[in-house]
Amino acid sequence: MPDQDETIPLGGRLITALDSKKIGEGNFQTLKNMRYGMKSPKSVTGMTKINTEGNIFYKDIPFLTGMLAIHMIVDSGTLYMVGSRYGGVSTPYILCISKYTISGTTLNFLARADHDPSAYVQNYYTCSIYGDYLYISGYIYLDGVSKSVIRKINKNTLEVVWTYTSHIVVGGNISYSMVSPKLYNGAVYWGNWIGSAGGETVKLNDGDGSEIWKIQTQECFEVEIASTTHVDFIGDAGGVRRISRRLQTTGAETSTLTSGNYWFQKSFSDADKYWLASYFLIGSDQQSTLTKVSKSTLTVDWDANFNFRPAGNLELLRNVVTDGSDFYCLGQAFVTPVYYATFGKVNSGGTPGASLQHSTLTGFAAILVTADYVFVALYDNNALSIRKGYFECRSKTDFSLISSTEI
C-alpha cells in the first residue's frame, strides 16, 4: 500500500483547555464509534461503512447508561468511585473506576478506567485503599458461571497489579463477594459468600496475590482486623448475624459472636468498637438496625432499631458512615412496587434523628460524609432500560438536596 496521509473523522469536539497536543481520555466531549481507553480513544464494534451511526459515547454519561457507583472512598483529596456500567448486550456490565476532586459541592472529573469488558463484570461492591493501591472486590459472571474476584489496582494509573479469583459451588449456589479487603502486615484478608450455603475466608500475599490459606466457613460480608494476631470475618448464617474470630497465621477459628436474627450488610470500626449495619424482620415488617459491638470481647453494647421510610413499607439498611460524632445511614425502602433510597441519622447513643426518603432513586449504593456535607452515589434501578447513576450533595442536618450530578 502506498504511503499517504489519511484523516479519520472522530466525530467529536476537541476540548483544548486540557492539552491540545494530546488526544486521550477526557479530551472529547462526544465520541462516535469509539470509547475512552487508558491513554487514547479506542475503536468499538460496529465502526464500519455499514453502521454509519454506531454507538454514541458521552464523557459525562459513558456507555449506554452511565456509571452505577457502588463504593466511594477519599484519599489525599481525591475521590475514587468504584462501580459498574452497562456496556451493551455483548458486555452487559464493566468494572469502572473513576477519579474526581470535590470543590465544595462540585464534582470535578480527573480520570476513568474500565476493566475486563469481556468478563461480563456484574457488580463490584466494595473497596479499600492502602498507600498507592486500591483493593477492589466483587464478582464476574462469565459463560454462566459466577466467580468471586479481588483486584489490586494502582490508584495513580488505574491499572491492575494482580487479580485473584475464587469459584466454588455448593448446593447449586453461586459465589460472589461483597467484602472490603483489609491489608495488614503484608497480607490481604478477604471473603465471599455462596448464597445460603456459606462462604469462604481467604488470606493472600500482598506482593503477588498468591493464596496463603483459604477456609470455607459462614457467609462473609466484611473483614475487620481485630488485633495483631486475629482477624474477624463478619456475616450471617441464614439470617443469624455472626462474627468469626480467626488466627491470622492459620485461619483457625478461636471465638465467635452469634447475635439475633439479623441480615448483616456493612461494618466499620475504631480502636475498640465495631458498628454493624443490618436489617431484620418483626413479623412481616422489615426494619433497620445499627449495632455497637466491643472489639475485645465480641459482646453487644447496644442495638438501635429504626425506620427511615413510611409505615407499612419494608426497609433494608445498606450502608453506614460516621463523621466521628453521628452515624449517617443509607438504606432502601420498598414502596410497592418500586424501591427508593432512604437517608437517616443516628447519634452516638443509638438514638435515631433526621431522616428522608428519596423521591425518585433507589439505594444500594455509596455514602460519604465530610465536615460539611453528606455525599451519596445512587442510581435509578426501577427503570432498567434507562438506568443512570447520580452523585448528590446533601445537608448533614436534614438531608435536603444541595446539588446533583449525573455520573
Foldseek 3Di string as FASTA:
>chain_A
DDDDDDDDDFPFDADPVVPVVAAAQPGTQKGFQWAGALGHIGGDPPPDPVNPGHFIAGNLAGAQARFQFQEWDDDPQKIKTWKWDQHDDQQGIWTKIWIWGQDPNDTGGDDMHTPDSNQNFPIWHAWDDDDQWIWTWKWTAHPNAIKTKIFIAGNVSRHTPEMDIGWDADPNFTKIAQEYWDDDPQKIWGWIAGPLPAIKIFIAGNNHRHTPDMDTGGGFHYKDCLDPFWIWTWFARQQWTKIFIAGPNYRHTDDMDTHDRWGWADWDDDNFKIWTWTWHDDDPEIWIKIWIATSVPRHTPDIAIDDQDDPPWHKTWHDWDDPVFKIKTWIWTCDPPRIWIKIWIAGPVRRTDAIDTDPAWGTSHYWDDDPFWIKTKTWHPPDVSNIWIKIFTAGPHHRHTDDIGTD
